[in-house]
Amino acid sequence: MFEQRNAARIANGFGGTVNLVASVMLVLTMLTGMGAVGFHNRMRGFDEALDAPTLMIAAAMIVLSLGGGFTAMAIGARHLRRAEI
């Protein structure tokens, strides 16, 4: 919406709402993953080395966050290419 001067009107559109919901879901997923790692390590004891489940959860969180970022950038780049400026 390059013709729109008010940033609040851009964020109140459908795209802004989808962005907000997707961002909240990503943050909640990351917090849940971090909580699972913390809970798992608390049950095992903090003095032991990292085990496979902890590393798998951490790797899944990294892949999910990078995937979400790349997906958002690809959608934004595609939209910008199609926009008539």
PDB file of N, CA and C in Angstrom:
ATOM      1  N   MET A   1       0.845  -1.183   0.000  1.00  0.00           N
ATOM      2  CA  MET A   1       0.000   0.000   0.000  1.00  0.00           C
ATOM      3  C   MET A   1       0.885   1.239   0.000  1.00  0.00           C
ATOM      4  N   PHE A   2       1.501   1.496  -1.124  1.00  0.00           N
ATOM      5  CA  PHE A   2       2.431   2.614  -1.208  1.00  0.00           C
ATOM      6  C   PHE A   2       1.714   3.951  -1.212  1.00  0.00           C
ATOM      7  N   GLU A   3       0.437   3.968  -1.594  1.00  0.00           N
ATOM      8  CA  GLU A   3      -0.308   5.224  -1.617  1.00  0.00           C
ATOM      9  C   GLU A   3      -0.792   5.630  -0.230  1.00  0.00           C
ATOM     10  N   GLN A   4      -0.748   4.729   0.715  1.00  0.00           N
ATOM     11  CA  GLN A   4      -1.233   4.996   2.080  1.00  0.00           C
ATOM     12  C   GLN A   4      -0.145   5.710   2.895  1.00  0.00           C
ATOM     13  N   ARG A   5      -0.483   6.862   3.478  1.00  0.00           N
ATOM     14  CA  ARG A   5       0.477   7.631   4.279  1.00  0.00           C
ATOM     15  C   ARG A   5       0.408   7.280   5.760  1.00  0.00           C
ATOM     16  N   ASN A   6      -0.703   6.747   6.203  1.00  0.00           N
ATOM     17  CA  ASN A   6      -0.901   6.431   7.613  1.00  0.00           C
ATOM     18  C   ASN A   6      -0.527   4.968   7.861  1.00  0.00           C
ATOM     19  N   ALA A   7       0.538   4.739   8.637  1.00  0.00           N
ATOM     20  CA  ALA A   7       1.005   3.380   8.895  1.00  0.00           C
ATOM     21  C   ALA A   7      -0.026   2.562   9.675  1.00  0.00           C
ATOM     22  N   ALA A   8      -0.836   3.196  10.487  1.00  0.00           N
ATOM     23  CA  ALA A   8      -1.844   2.480  11.264  1.00  0.00           C
ATOM     24  C   ALA A   8      -2.897   1.850  10.345  1.00  0.00           C
ATOM     25  N   ARG A   9      -3.214   2.497   9.270  1.00  0.00           N
ATOM     26  CA  ARG A   9      -4.208   1.942   8.342  1.00  0.00           C
ATOM     27  C   ARG A   9      -3.643   0.742   7.596  1.00  0.00           C
ATOM     28  N   ILE A  10      -2.335   0.726   7.363  1.00  0.00           N
ATOM     29  CA  ILE A  10      -1.714  -0.419   6.711  1.00  0.00           C
ATOM     30  C   ILE A  10      -1.767  -1.625   7.640  1.00  0.00           C
ATOM     31  N   ALA A  11      -1.402  -1.421   8.903  1.00  0.00           N
ATOM     32  CA  ALA A  11      -1.366  -2.523   9.865  1.00  0.00           C
ATOM     33  C   ALA A  11      -2.757  -3.046  10.201  1.00  0.00           C
ATOM     34  N   ASN A  12      -3.794  -2.233  10.024  1.00  0.00           N
ATOM     35  CA  ASN A  12      -5.151  -2.665  10.330  1.00  0.00           C
ATOM     36  C   ASN A  12      -5.792  -3.460   9.210  1.00  0.00           C
ATOM     37  N   GLY A  13      -5.118  -3.618   8.101  1.00  0.00           N
ATOM     38  CA  GLY A  13      -5.664  -4.384   6.989  1.00  0.00           C
ATOM     39  C   GLY A  13      -5.541  -5.874   7.235  1.00  0.00           C
ATOM     40  N   PHE A  14      -5.939  -6.639   6.231  1.00  0.00           N
ATOM     41  CA  PHE A  14      -5.903  -8.097   6.327  1.00  0.00           C
ATOM     42  C   PHE A  14      -4.470  -8.603   6.491  1.00  0.00           C
ATOM     43  N   GLY A  15      -3.545  -8.046   5.730  1.00  0.00           N
ATOM     44  CA  GLY A  15      -2.154  -8.465   5.817  1.00  0.00           C
ATOM     45  C   GLY A  15      -1.546  -8.178   7.179  1.00  0.00           C
ATOM     46  N   GLY A  16      -1.884  -7.051   7.762  1.00  0.00           N
ATOM     47  CA  GLY A  16      -1.385  -6.730   9.092  1.00  0.00           C
ATOM     48  C   GLY A  16      -1.923  -7.690  10.148  1.00  0.00           C
ATOM     49  N   THR A  17      -3.178  -8.069  10.004  1.00  0.00           N
ATOM     50  CA  THR A  17      -3.774  -9.011  10.951  1.00  0.00           C
ATOM     51  C   THR A  17      -3.141 -10.391  10.820  1.00  0.00           C
ATOM     52  N   VAL A  18      -2.935 -10.841   9.594  1.00  0.00           N
ATOM     53  CA  VAL A  18      -2.285 -12.135   9.372  1.00  0.00           C
ATOM     54  C   VAL A  18      -0.865 -12.105   9.925  1.00  0.00           C
ATOM     55  N   ASN A  19      -0.160 -11.005   9.701  1.00  0.00           N
ATOM     56  CA  ASN A  19       1.200 -10.854  10.216  1.00  0.00           C
ATOM     57  C   ASN A  19       1.211 -10.916  11.741  1.00  0.00           C
ATOM     58  N   LEU A  20       0.279 -10.258  12.374  1.00  0.00           N
ATOM     59  CA  LEU A  20       0.202 -10.263  13.832  1.00  0.00           C
ATOM     60  C   LEU A  20      -0.060 -11.667  14.368  1.00  0.00           C
ATOM     61  N   VAL A  21      -1.015 -12.368  13.791  1.00  0.00           N
ATOM     62  CA  VAL A  21      -1.360 -13.715  14.254  1.00  0.00           C
ATOM     63  C   VAL A  21      -0.182 -14.667  14.032  1.00  0.00           C
ATOM     64  N   ALA A  22       0.459 -14.588  12.864  1.00  0.00           N
ATOM     65  CA  ALA A  22       1.601 -15.466  12.582  1.00  0.00           C
ATOM     66  C   ALA A  22       2.760 -15.165  13.523  1.00  0.00           C
ATOM     67  N   SER A  23       3.004 -13.903  13.815  1.00  0.00           N
ATOM     68  CA  SER A  23       4.087 -13.536  14.725  1.00  0.00           C
ATOM     69  C   SER A  23       3.822 -14.033  16.138  1.00  0.00           C
ATOM     70  N   VAL A  24       2.587 -13.898  16.604  1.00  0.00           N
ATOM     71  CA  VAL A  24       2.243 -14.374  17.949  1.00  0.00           C
ATOM     72  C   VAL A  24       2.372 -15.891  18.015  1.00  0.00           C
ATOM     73  N   MET A  25       1.945 -16.594  16.974  1.00  0.00           N
ATOM     74  CA  MET A  25       2.069 -18.050  16.957  1.00  0.00           C
ATOM     75  C   MET A  25       3.540 -18.473  16.972  1.00  0.00           C
ATOM     76  N   LEU A  26       4.387 -17.768  16.226  1.00  0.00           N
ATOM     77  CA  LEU A  26       5.806 -18.099  16.210  1.00  0.00           C
ATOM     78  C   LEU A  26       6.438 -17.865  17.579  1.00  0.00           C
ATOM     79  N   VAL A  27       6.114 -16.755  18.218  1.00  0.00           N
ATOM     80  CA  VAL A  27       6.661 -16.469  19.551  1.00  0.00           C
ATOM     81  C   VAL A  27       6.186 -17.514  20.555  1.00  0.00           C
ATOM     82  N   LEU A  28       4.906 -17.868  20.525  1.00  0.00           N
ATOM     83  CA  LEU A  28       4.395 -18.889  21.446  1.00  0.00           C
ATOM     84  C   LEU A  28       5.050 -20.244  21.206  1.00  0.00           C
ATOM     85  N   THR A  29       5.284 -20.589  19.957  1.00  0.00           N
ATOM     86  CA  THR A  29       5.952 -21.848  19.642  1.00  0.00           C
ATOM     87  C   THR A  29       7.386 -21.850  20.164  1.00  0.00           C
ATOM     88  N   MET A  30       8.094 -20.742  19.981  1.00  0.00           N
ATOM     89  CA  MET A  30       9.472 -20.648  20.474  1.00  0.00           C
ATOM     90  C   MET A  30       9.512 -20.713  22.008  1.00  0.00           C
ATOM     91  N   LEU A  31       8.582 -20.032  22.657  1.00  0.00           N
ATOM     92  CA  LEU A  31       8.541 -20.084  24.123  1.00  0.00           C
ATOM     93  C   LEU A  31       8.203 -21.489  24.629  1.00  0.00           C
ATOM     94  N   THR A  32       7.302 -22.166  23.929  1.00  0.00           N
ATOM     95  CA  THR A  32       6.969 -23.540  24.309  1.00  0.00           C
ATOM     96  C   THR A  32       8.181 -24.449  24.147  1.00  0.00           C
ATOM     97  N   GLY A  33       8.917 -24.295  23.059  1.00  0.00           N
ATOM     98  CA  GLY A  33      10.117 -25.092  22.844  1.00  0.00           C
ATOM     99  C   GLY A  33      11.180 -24.828  23.898  1.00  0.00           C
ATOM    100  N   MET A  34      11.373 -23.561  24.233  1.00  0.00           N
ATOM    101  CA  MET A  34      12.350 -23.223  25.268  1.00  0.00           C
ATOM    102  C   MET A  34      11.909 -23.763  26.623  1.00  0.00           C
ATOM    103  N   GLY A  35      10.613 -23.705  26.889  1.00  0.00           N
ATOM    104  CA  GLY A  35      10.089 -24.265  28.135  1.00  0.00           C
ATOM    105  C   GLY A  35      10.272 -25.769  28.191  1.00  0.00           C
ATOM    106  N   ALA A  36      10.075 -26.440  27.049  1.00  0.00           N
ATOM    107  CA  ALA A  36      10.263 -27.893  27.008  1.00  0.00           C
ATOM    108  C   ALA A  36      11.720 -28.261  27.261  1.00  0.00           C
ATOM    109  N   VAL A  37      12.642 -27.507  26.672  1.00  0.00           N
ATOM    110  CA  VAL A  37      14.068 -27.760  26.909  1.00  0.00           C
ATOM    111  C   VAL A  37      14.406 -27.525  28.377  1.00  0.00           C
ATOM    112  N   GLY A  38      13.912 -26.433  28.927  1.00  0.00           N
ATOM    113  CA  GLY A  38      14.174 -26.138  30.337  1.00  0.00           C
ATOM    114  C   GLY A  38      13.588 -27.176  31.271  1.00  0.00           C
ATOM    115  N   PHE A  39      12.368 -27.591  31.010  1.00  0.00           N
ATOM    116  CA  PHE A  39      11.713 -28.602  31.842  1.00  0.00           C
ATOM    117  C   PHE A  39      12.449 -29.937  31.745  1.00  0.00           C
ATOM    118  N   HIS A  40      12.816 -30.304  30.534  1.00  0.00           N
ATOM    119  CA  HIS A  40      13.539 -31.563  30.338  1.00  0.00           C
ATOM    120  C   HIS A  40      14.871 -31.544  31.083  1.00  0.00           C
ATOM    121  N   ASN A  41      15.602 -30.447  30.976  1.00  0.00           N
ATOM    122  CA  ASN A  41      16.888 -30.350  31.676  1.00  0.00           C
ATOM    123  C   ASN A  41      16.700 -30.295  33.188  1.00  0.00           C
ATOM    124  N   ARG A  42      15.622 -29.713  33.645  1.00  0.00           N
ATOM    125  CA  ARG A  42      15.359 -29.659  35.095  1.00  0.00           C
ATOM    126  C   ARG A  42      15.088 -31.065  35.634  1.00  0.00           C
ATOM    127  N   MET A  43      14.364 -31.870  34.860  1.00  0.00           N
ATOM    128  CA  MET A  43      14.067 -33.228  35.302  1.00  0.00           C
ATOM    129  C   MET A  43      15.322 -34.114  35.304  1.00  0.00           C
ATOM    130  N   ARG A  44      16.218 -33.877  34.348  1.00  0.00           N
ATOM    131  CA  ARG A  44      17.438 -34.673  34.267  1.00  0.00           C
ATOM    132  C   ARG A  44      18.513 -34.180  35.217  1.00  0.00           C
ATOM    133  N   GLY A  45      18.462 -32.941  35.571  1.00  0.00           N
ATOM    134  CA  GLY A  45      19.534 -32.325  36.351  1.00  0.00           C
ATOM    135  C   GLY A  45      20.389 -31.476  35.421  1.00  0.00           C
ATOM    136  N   PHE A  46      20.822 -30.346  35.904  1.00  0.00           N
ATOM    137  CA  PHE A  46      21.529 -29.400  35.048  1.00  0.00           C
ATOM    138  C   PHE A  46      23.014 -29.726  34.898  1.00  0.00           C
ATOM    139  N   ASP A  47      23.528 -30.663  35.653  1.00  0.00           N
ATOM    140  CA  ASP A  47      24.962 -30.944  35.622  1.00  0.00           C
ATOM    141  C   ASP A  47      25.361 -31.865  34.470  1.00  0.00           C
ATOM    142  N   GLU A  48      24.407 -32.531  33.860  1.00  0.00           N
ATOM    143  CA  GLU A  48      24.720 -33.479  32.796  1.00  0.00           C
ATOM    144  C   GLU A  48      24.861 -32.749  31.458  1.00  0.00           C
ATOM    145  N   ALA A  49      25.522 -33.393  30.511  1.00  0.00           N
ATOM    146  CA  ALA A  49      25.685 -32.832  29.168  1.00  0.00           C
ATOM    147  C   ALA A  49      24.344 -32.854  28.432  1.00  0.00           C
ATOM    148  N   LEU A  50      24.267 -32.079  27.381  1.00  0.00           N
ATOM    149  CA  LEU A  50      23.044 -32.050  26.577  1.00  0.00           C
ATOM    150  C   LEU A  50      22.820 -33.407  25.925  1.00  0.00           C
ATOM    151  N   ASP A  51      21.568 -33.830  25.897  1.00  0.00           N
ATOM    152  CA  ASP A  51      21.241 -35.113  25.290  1.00  0.00           C
ATOM    153  C   ASP A  51      20.530 -34.894  23.960  1.00  0.00           C
ATOM    154  N   ALA A  52      20.202 -36.000  23.288  1.00  0.00           N
ATOM    155  CA  ALA A  52      19.607 -35.941  21.952  1.00  0.00           C
ATOM    156  C   ALA A  52      18.256 -35.216  21.918  1.00  0.00           C
ATOM    157  N   PRO A  53      17.319 -35.478  22.851  1.00  0.00           N
ATOM    158  CA  PRO A  53      16.045 -34.751  22.779  1.00  0.00           C
ATOM    159  C   PRO A  53      16.206 -33.228  22.912  1.00  0.00           C
ATOM    160  N   THR A  54      17.109 -32.804  23.776  1.00  0.00           N
ATOM    161  CA  THR A  54      17.336 -31.366  23.940  1.00  0.00           C
ATOM    162  C   THR A  54      17.869 -30.761  22.650  1.00  0.00           C
ATOM    163  N   LEU A  55      18.840 -31.424  22.038  1.00  0.00           N
ATOM    164  CA  LEU A  55      19.411 -30.922  20.793  1.00  0.00           C
ATOM    165  C   LEU A  55      18.403 -30.969  19.650  1.00  0.00           C
ATOM    166  N   MET A  56      17.534 -31.977  19.626  1.00  0.00           N
ATOM    167  CA  MET A  56      16.516 -32.050  18.573  1.00  0.00           C
ATOM    168  C   MET A  56      15.490 -30.931  18.715  1.00  0.00           C
ATOM    169  N   ILE A  57      15.081 -30.627  19.930  1.00  0.00           N
ATOM    170  CA  ILE A  57      14.130 -29.530  20.143  1.00  0.00           C
ATOM    171  C   ILE A  57      14.773 -28.208  19.752  1.00  0.00           C
ATOM    172  N   ALA A  58      16.039 -28.011  20.144  1.00  0.00           N
ATOM    173  CA  ALA A  58      16.737 -26.778  19.786  1.00  0.00           C
ATOM    174  C   ALA A  58      16.888 -26.656  18.272  1.00  0.00           C
ATOM    175  N   ALA A  59      17.228 -27.752  17.608  1.00  0.00           N
ATOM    176  CA  ALA A  59      17.361 -27.730  16.150  1.00  0.00           C
ATOM    177  C   ALA A  59      16.013 -27.447  15.483  1.00  0.00           C
ATOM    178  N   ALA A  60      14.944 -28.034  15.998  1.00  0.00           N
ATOM    179  CA  ALA A  60      13.614 -27.780  15.437  1.00  0.00           C
ATOM    180  C   ALA A  60      13.217 -26.319  15.607  1.00  0.00           C
ATOM    181  N   MET A  61      13.568 -25.723  16.736  1.00  0.00           N
ATOM    182  CA  MET A  61      13.262 -24.304  16.948  1.00  0.00           C
ATOM    183  C   MET A  61      14.034 -23.429  15.967  1.00  0.00           C
ATOM    184  N   ILE A  62      15.292 -23.766  15.719  1.00  0.00           N
ATOM    185  CA  ILE A  62      16.105 -22.993  14.768  1.00  0.00           C
ATOM    186  C   ILE A  62      15.543 -23.123  13.363  1.00  0.00           C
ATOM    187  N   VAL A  63      15.209 -24.348  12.964  1.00  0.00           N
ATOM    188  CA  VAL A  63      14.662 -24.578  11.618  1.00  0.00           C
ATOM    189  C   VAL A  63      13.328 -23.856  11.452  1.00  0.00           C
ATOM    190  N   LEU A  64      12.480 -23.911  12.466  1.00  0.00           N
ATOM    191  CA  LEU A  64      11.179 -23.253  12.393  1.00  0.00           C
ATOM    192  C   LEU A  64      11.331 -21.734  12.296  1.00  0.00           C
ATOM    193  N   SER A  65      12.211 -21.158  13.078  1.00  0.00           N
ATOM    194  CA  SER A  65      12.372 -19.704  13.032  1.00  0.00           C
ATOM    195  C   SER A  65      12.994 -19.257  11.709  1.00  0.00           C
ATOM    196  N   LEU A  66      13.997 -19.985  11.209  1.00  0.00           N
ATOM    197  CA  LEU A  66      14.580 -19.640   9.913  1.00  0.00           C
ATOM    198  C   LEU A  66      13.572 -19.851   8.786  1.00  0.00           C
ATOM    199  N   GLY A  67      12.808 -20.930   8.859  1.00  0.00           N
ATOM    200  CA  GLY A  67      11.786 -21.179   7.845  1.00  0.00           C
ATOM    201  C   GLY A  67      10.715 -20.099   7.824  1.00  0.00           C
ATOM    202  N   GLY A  68      10.295 -19.683   9.008  1.00  0.00           N
ATOM    203  CA  GLY A  68       9.308 -18.604   9.083  1.00  0.00           C
ATOM    204  C   GLY A  68       9.845 -17.293   8.530  1.00  0.00           C
ATOM    205  N   GLY A  69      11.094 -16.998   8.832  1.00  0.00           N
ATOM    206  CA  GLY A  69      11.709 -15.769   8.320  1.00  0.00           C
ATOM    207  C   GLY A  69      11.866 -15.792   6.814  1.00  0.00           C
ATOM    208  N   PHE A  70      12.368 -16.910   6.276  1.00  0.00           N
ATOM    209  CA  PHE A  70      12.533 -17.017   4.827  1.00  0.00           C
ATOM    210  C   PHE A  70      11.195 -17.005   4.106  1.00  0.00           C
ATOM    211  N   THR A  71      10.191 -17.635   4.686  1.00  0.00           N
ATOM    212  CA  THR A  71       8.865 -17.643   4.067  1.00  0.00           C
ATOM    213  C   THR A  71       8.289 -16.224   4.017  1.00  0.00           C
ATOM    214  N   ALA A  72       8.399 -15.502   5.119  1.00  0.00           N
ATOM    215  CA  ALA A  72       7.891 -14.125   5.146  1.00  0.00           C
ATOM    216  C   ALA A  72       8.624 -13.239   4.141  1.00  0.00           C
ATOM    217  N   MET A  73       9.935 -13.411   4.043  1.00  0.00           N
ATOM    218  CA  MET A  73      10.703 -12.616   3.082  1.00  0.00           C
ATOM    219  C   MET A  73      10.334 -12.972   1.644  1.00  0.00           C
ATOM    220  N   ALA A  74      10.110 -14.248   1.362  1.00  0.00           N
ATOM    221  CA  ALA A  74       9.739 -14.661   0.009  1.00  0.00           C
ATOM    222  C   ALA A  74       8.368 -14.117  -0.376  1.00  0.00           C
ATOM    223  N   ILE A  75       7.423 -14.178   0.549  1.00  0.00           N
ATOM    224  CA  ILE A  75       6.089 -13.634   0.267  1.00  0.00           C
ATOM    225  C   ILE A  75       6.159 -12.127   0.055  1.00  0.00           C
ATOM    226  N   GLY A  76       6.918 -11.443   0.897  1.00  0.00           N
ATOM    227  CA  GLY A  76       7.066  -9.997   0.753  1.00  0.00           C
ATOM    228  C   GLY A  76       7.760  -9.612  -0.541  1.00  0.00           C
ATOM    229  N   ALA A  77       8.803 -10.346  -0.930  1.00  0.00           N
ATOM    230  CA  ALA A  77       9.505 -10.057  -2.174  1.00  0.00           C
ATOM    231  C   ALA A  77       8.606 -10.295  -3.380  1.00  0.00           C
ATOM    232  N   ARG A  78       7.809 -11.379  -3.333  1.00  0.00           N
ATOM    233  CA  ARG A  78       6.890 -11.663  -4.430  1.00  0.00           C
ATOM    234  C   ARG A  78       5.839 -10.549  -4.560  1.00  0.00           C
ATOM    235  N   HIS A  79       5.318 -10.109  -3.417  1.00  0.00           N
ATOM    236  CA  HIS A  79       4.323  -9.043  -3.431  1.00  0.00           C
ATOM    237  C   HIS A  79       4.937  -7.744  -3.976  1.00  0.00           C
ATOM    238  N   LEU A  80       6.182  -7.464  -3.591  1.00  0.00           N
ATOM    239  CA  LEU A  80       6.832  -6.230  -4.040  1.00  0.00           C
ATOM    240  C   LEU A  80       7.098  -6.286  -5.546  1.00  0.00           C
ATOM    241  N   ARG A  81       7.455  -7.457  -6.066  1.00  0.00           N
ATOM    242  CA  ARG A  81       7.664  -7.591  -7.507  1.00  0.00           C
ATOM    243  C   ARG A  81       6.373  -7.370  -8.284  1.00  0.00           C
ATOM    244  N   ARG A  82       5.260  -7.814  -7.731  1.00  0.00           N
ATOM    245  CA  ARG A  82       3.963  -7.687  -8.431  1.00  0.00           C
ATOM    246  C   ARG A  82       3.326  -6.313  -8.263  1.00  0.00           C
ATOM    247  N   ALA A  83       3.813  -5.548  -7.286  1.00  0.00           N
ATOM    248  CA  ALA A  83       3.192  -4.235  -7.013  1.00  0.00           C
ATOM    249  C   ALA A  83       3.482  -3.263  -8.136  1.00  0.00           C
ATOM    250  N   GLU A  84       2.518  -2.438  -8.398  1.00  0.00           N
ATOM    251  CA  GLU A  84       2.684  -1.402  -9.411  1.00  0.00           C
ATOM    252  C   GLU A  84       3.108  -0.126  -8.724  1.00  0.00           C
ATOM    253  N   ILE A  85       4.373   0.171  -8.830  1.00  0.00           N
ATOM    254  CA  ILE A  85       4.877   1.383  -8.164  1.00  0.00           C
ATOM    255  C   ILE A  85       5.128   2.468  -9.173  1.00  0.00           C
TER     256      ILE A  85
END
